[in-house]
Amino acid sequence: MDYRKLPHGEEEISVIGLGTSSIGAAGDKEIEAVMTLALEKGINYFDQALC
């Protein structure tokens, strides 16, 4: 996974993120599987914007 450093700090975020605005429509097992796979693949940017 590629990462980019934020301009004001030392944090590095993954260039690929996971949007979660509609994740609540899935079942608990599917949500857990998606989140687990994202973390395993190195994704550390999760967009939690609410619509």
PDB file of N, CA and C in Angstrom:
ATOM      1  N   MET A   1       0.850  -1.175   0.000  1.00  0.00           N
ATOM      2  CA  MET A   1       0.000   0.000   0.000  1.00  0.00           C
ATOM      3  C   MET A   1       0.893   1.235   0.000  1.00  0.00           C
ATOM      4  N   ASP A   2       0.534   2.195  -0.788  1.00  0.00           N
ATOM      5  CA  ASP A   2       1.234   3.478  -0.790  1.00  0.00           C
ATOM      6  C   ASP A   2       0.579   4.401   0.230  1.00  0.00           C
ATOM      7  N   TYR A   3       1.397   5.242   0.827  1.00  0.00           N
ATOM      8  CA  TYR A   3       0.920   6.178   1.839  1.00  0.00           C
ATOM      9  C   TYR A   3       1.414   7.576   1.511  1.00  0.00           C
ATOM     10  N   ARG A   4       0.701   8.567   1.975  1.00  0.00           N
ATOM     11  CA  ARG A   4       1.106   9.960   1.821  1.00  0.00           C
ATOM     12  C   ARG A   4       1.120  10.614   3.192  1.00  0.00           C
ATOM     13  N   LYS A   5       2.118  11.446   3.411  1.00  0.00           N
ATOM     14  CA  LYS A   5       2.228  12.154   4.686  1.00  0.00           C
ATOM     15  C   LYS A   5       1.336  13.385   4.654  1.00  0.00           C
ATOM     16  N   LEU A   6       0.615  13.595   5.735  1.00  0.00           N
ATOM     17  CA  LEU A   6      -0.223  14.789   5.832  1.00  0.00           C
ATOM     18  C   LEU A   6       0.659  16.029   5.950  1.00  0.00           C
ATOM     19  N   PRO A   7       0.191  17.170   5.450  1.00  0.00           N
ATOM     20  CA  PRO A   7       1.050  18.356   5.420  1.00  0.00           C
ATOM     21  C   PRO A   7       1.398  18.929   6.793  1.00  0.00           C
ATOM     22  N   HIS A   8       0.574  18.718   7.783  1.00  0.00           N
ATOM     23  CA  HIS A   8       0.835  19.305   9.103  1.00  0.00           C
ATOM     24  C   HIS A   8       0.882  18.210  10.154  1.00  0.00           C
ATOM     25  N   GLY A   9       1.898  17.418  10.135  1.00  0.00           N
ATOM     26  CA  GLY A   9       2.021  16.342  11.106  1.00  0.00           C
ATOM     27  C   GLY A   9       2.843  15.200  10.547  1.00  0.00           C
ATOM     28  N   GLU A  10       2.918  14.161  11.299  1.00  0.00           N
ATOM     29  CA  GLU A  10       3.718  13.011  10.895  1.00  0.00           C
ATOM     30  C   GLU A  10       2.874  11.831  10.426  1.00  0.00           C
ATOM     31  N   GLU A  11       1.531  11.970  10.495  1.00  0.00           N
ATOM     32  CA  GLU A  11       0.674  10.864  10.098  1.00  0.00           C
ATOM     33  C   GLU A  11       0.812  10.569   8.612  1.00  0.00           C
ATOM     34  N   GLU A  12       0.742   9.288   8.287  1.00  0.00           N
ATOM     35  CA  GLU A  12       0.713   8.863   6.898  1.00  0.00           C
ATOM     36  C   GLU A  12      -0.585   8.120   6.664  1.00  0.00           C
ATOM     37  N   ILE A  13      -1.308   8.522   5.625  1.00  0.00           N
ATOM     38  CA  ILE A  13      -2.568   7.861   5.323  1.00  0.00           C
ATOM     39  C   ILE A  13      -2.457   7.118   4.000  1.00  0.00           C
ATOM     40  N   SER A  14      -3.219   6.044   3.889  1.00  0.00           N
ATOM     41  CA  SER A  14      -3.204   5.240   2.676  1.00  0.00           C
ATOM     42  C   SER A  14      -3.803   6.042   1.519  1.00  0.00           C
ATOM     43  N   VAL A  15      -3.278   5.795   0.312  1.00  0.00           N
ATOM     44  CA  VAL A  15      -3.789   6.513  -0.864  1.00  0.00           C
ATOM     45  C   VAL A  15      -5.165   5.993  -1.261  1.00  0.00           C
ATOM     46  N   ILE A  16      -5.533   4.830  -0.769  1.00  0.00           N
ATOM     47  CA  ILE A  16      -6.868   4.286  -0.980  1.00  0.00           C
ATOM     48  C   ILE A  16      -7.605   4.353   0.344  1.00  0.00           C
ATOM     49  N   GLY A  17      -8.810   4.874   0.309  1.00  0.00           N
ATOM     50  CA  GLY A  17      -9.622   4.954   1.515  1.00  0.00           C
ATOM     51  C   GLY A  17     -10.888   4.137   1.354  1.00  0.00           C
ATOM     52  N   LEU A  18     -11.601   3.991   2.458  1.00  0.00           N
ATOM     53  CA  LEU A  18     -12.853   3.261   2.444  1.00  0.00           C
ATOM     54  C   LEU A  18     -13.963   4.194   2.910  1.00  0.00           C
ATOM     55  N   GLY A  19     -14.927   4.440   2.035  1.00  0.00           N
ATOM     56  CA  GLY A  19     -16.079   5.249   2.397  1.00  0.00           C
ATOM     57  C   GLY A  19     -17.071   4.397   3.180  1.00  0.00           C
ATOM     58  N   THR A  20     -17.635   4.956   4.228  1.00  0.00           N
ATOM     59  CA  THR A  20     -18.506   4.162   5.091  1.00  0.00           C
ATOM     60  C   THR A  20     -19.920   4.727   5.194  1.00  0.00           C
ATOM     61  N   SER A  21     -20.295   5.643   4.328  1.00  0.00           N
ATOM     62  CA  SER A  21     -21.607   6.284   4.470  1.00  0.00           C
ATOM     63  C   SER A  21     -22.760   5.302   4.312  1.00  0.00           C
ATOM     64  N   SER A  22     -22.602   4.252   3.532  1.00  0.00           N
ATOM     65  CA  SER A  22     -23.701   3.304   3.337  1.00  0.00           C
ATOM     66  C   SER A  22     -23.406   1.929   3.921  1.00  0.00           C
ATOM     67  N   ILE A  23     -22.356   1.821   4.715  1.00  0.00           N
ATOM     68  CA  ILE A  23     -21.976   0.512   5.246  1.00  0.00           C
ATOM     69  C   ILE A  23     -23.025  -0.040   6.207  1.00  0.00           C
ATOM     70  N   GLY A  24     -23.809   0.832   6.814  1.00  0.00           N
ATOM     71  CA  GLY A  24     -24.842   0.395   7.740  1.00  0.00           C
ATOM     72  C   GLY A  24     -25.934  -0.433   7.079  1.00  0.00           C
ATOM     73  N   ALA A  25     -26.038  -0.378   5.760  1.00  0.00           N
ATOM     74  CA  ALA A  25     -27.037  -1.158   5.040  1.00  0.00           C
ATOM     75  C   ALA A  25     -26.652  -2.632   4.956  1.00  0.00           C
ATOM     76  N   ALA A  26     -25.405  -2.952   5.255  1.00  0.00           N
ATOM     77  CA  ALA A  26     -24.933  -4.339   5.215  1.00  0.00           C
ATOM     78  C   ALA A  26     -25.158  -4.997   6.573  1.00  0.00           C
ATOM     79  N   GLY A  27     -25.052  -6.294   6.589  1.00  0.00           N
ATOM     80  CA  GLY A  27     -25.177  -7.031   7.843  1.00  0.00           C
ATOM     81  C   GLY A  27     -23.899  -6.949   8.656  1.00  0.00           C
ATOM     82  N   ASP A  28     -23.988  -7.301   9.925  1.00  0.00           N
ATOM     83  CA  ASP A  28     -22.836  -7.212  10.827  1.00  0.00           C
ATOM     84  C   ASP A  28     -21.647  -8.037  10.343  1.00  0.00           C
ATOM     85  N   LYS A  29     -21.897  -9.249   9.852  1.00  0.00           N
ATOM     86  CA  LYS A  29     -20.797 -10.113   9.380  1.00  0.00           C
ATOM     87  C   LYS A  29     -20.106  -9.499   8.171  1.00  0.00           C
ATOM     88  N   GLU A  30     -20.893  -8.929   7.267  1.00  0.00           N
ATOM     89  CA  GLU A  30     -20.311  -8.314   6.069  1.00  0.00           C
ATOM     90  C   GLU A  30     -19.506  -7.074   6.433  1.00  0.00           C
ATOM     91  N   ILE A  31     -20.016  -6.275   7.346  1.00  0.00           N
ATOM     92  CA  ILE A  31     -19.292  -5.080   7.789  1.00  0.00           C
ATOM     93  C   ILE A  31     -17.954  -5.486   8.410  1.00  0.00           C
ATOM     94  N   GLU A  32     -17.990  -6.480   9.283  1.00  0.00           N
ATOM     95  CA  GLU A  32     -16.752  -6.939   9.930  1.00  0.00           C
ATOM     96  C   GLU A  32     -15.760  -7.475   8.906  1.00  0.00           C
ATOM     97  N   ALA A  33     -16.247  -8.223   7.912  1.00  0.00           N
ATOM     98  CA  ALA A  33     -15.369  -8.768   6.879  1.00  0.00           C
ATOM     99  C   ALA A  33     -14.724  -7.656   6.050  1.00  0.00           C
ATOM    100  N   VAL A  34     -15.506  -6.651   5.680  1.00  0.00           N
ATOM    101  CA  VAL A  34     -14.984  -5.538   4.873  1.00  0.00           C
ATOM    102  C   VAL A  34     -13.926  -4.759   5.653  1.00  0.00           C
ATOM    103  N   MET A  35     -14.239  -4.437   6.908  1.00  0.00           N
ATOM    104  CA  MET A  35     -13.294  -3.671   7.721  1.00  0.00           C
ATOM    105  C   MET A  35     -12.011  -4.463   7.981  1.00  0.00           C
ATOM    106  N   THR A  36     -12.149  -5.734   8.267  1.00  0.00           N
ATOM    107  CA  THR A  36     -10.978  -6.586   8.514  1.00  0.00           C
ATOM    108  C   THR A  36     -10.100  -6.663   7.277  1.00  0.00           C
ATOM    109  N   LEU A  37     -10.695  -6.883   6.116  1.00  0.00           N
ATOM    110  CA  LEU A  37      -9.919  -6.962   4.877  1.00  0.00           C
ATOM    111  C   LEU A  37      -9.228  -5.634   4.575  1.00  0.00           C
ATOM    112  N   ALA A  38      -9.930  -4.525   4.775  1.00  0.00           N
ATOM    113  CA  ALA A  38      -9.324  -3.213   4.530  1.00  0.00           C
ATOM    114  C   ALA A  38      -8.086  -3.015   5.407  1.00  0.00           C
ATOM    115  N   LEU A  39      -8.200  -3.348   6.682  1.00  0.00           N
ATOM    116  CA  LEU A  39      -7.055  -3.202   7.590  1.00  0.00           C
ATOM    117  C   LEU A  39      -5.914  -4.138   7.207  1.00  0.00           C
ATOM    118  N   GLU A  40      -6.238  -5.362   6.830  1.00  0.00           N
ATOM    119  CA  GLU A  40      -5.211  -6.320   6.402  1.00  0.00           C
ATOM    120  C   GLU A  40      -4.463  -5.830   5.166  1.00  0.00           C
ATOM    121  N   LYS A  41      -5.161  -5.129   4.289  1.00  0.00           N
ATOM    122  CA  LYS A  41      -4.553  -4.622   3.054  1.00  0.00           C
ATOM    123  C   LYS A  41      -3.826  -3.298   3.261  1.00  0.00           C
ATOM    124  N   GLY A  42      -3.866  -2.759   4.487  1.00  0.00           N
ATOM    125  CA  GLY A  42      -3.113  -1.546   4.788  1.00  0.00           C
ATOM    126  C   GLY A  42      -3.902  -0.262   4.716  1.00  0.00           C
ATOM    127  N   ILE A  43      -5.195  -0.337   4.503  1.00  0.00           N
ATOM    128  CA  ILE A  43      -6.011   0.874   4.457  1.00  0.00           C
ATOM    129  C   ILE A  43      -6.149   1.421   5.871  1.00  0.00           C
ATOM    130  N   ASN A  44      -5.838   2.695   6.012  1.00  0.00           N
ATOM    131  CA  ASN A  44      -5.969   3.331   7.322  1.00  0.00           C
ATOM    132  C   ASN A  44      -6.723   4.660   7.228  1.00  0.00           C
ATOM    133  N   TYR A  45      -7.334   4.902   6.079  1.00  0.00           N
ATOM    134  CA  TYR A  45      -8.157   6.098   5.882  1.00  0.00           C
ATOM    135  C   TYR A  45      -9.604   5.647   5.703  1.00  0.00           C
ATOM    136  N   PHE A  46     -10.454   5.993   6.655  1.00  0.00           N
ATOM    137  CA  PHE A  46     -11.858   5.637   6.618  1.00  0.00           C
ATOM    138  C   PHE A  46     -12.682   6.915   6.653  1.00  0.00           C
ATOM    139  N   ASP A  47     -13.416   7.170   5.577  1.00  0.00           N
ATOM    140  CA  ASP A  47     -14.256   8.362   5.468  1.00  0.00           C
ATOM    141  C   ASP A  47     -15.563   8.074   6.205  1.00  0.00           C
ATOM    142  N   GLN A  48     -15.809   8.784   7.280  1.00  0.00           N
ATOM    143  CA  GLN A  48     -16.983   8.539   8.094  1.00  0.00           C
ATOM    144  C   GLN A  48     -18.035   9.625   7.935  1.00  0.00           C
ATOM    145  N   ALA A  49     -18.030  10.323   6.803  1.00  0.00           N
ATOM    146  CA  ALA A  49     -19.003  11.375   6.558  1.00  0.00           C
ATOM    147  C   ALA A  49     -20.410  10.789   6.560  1.00  0.00           C
ATOM    148  N   LEU A  50     -21.313  11.492   7.160  1.00  0.00           N
ATOM    149  CA  LEU A  50     -22.707  11.054   7.195  1.00  0.00           C
ATOM    150  C   LEU A  50     -23.495  11.863   6.189  1.00  0.00           C
ATOM    151  N   CYS A  51     -24.350  11.190   5.475  1.00  0.00           N
ATOM    152  CA  CYS A  51     -25.200  11.872   4.478  1.00  0.00           C
ATOM    153  C   CYS A  51     -26.527  12.236   5.076  1.00  0.00           C
TER     154      CYS A  51
END
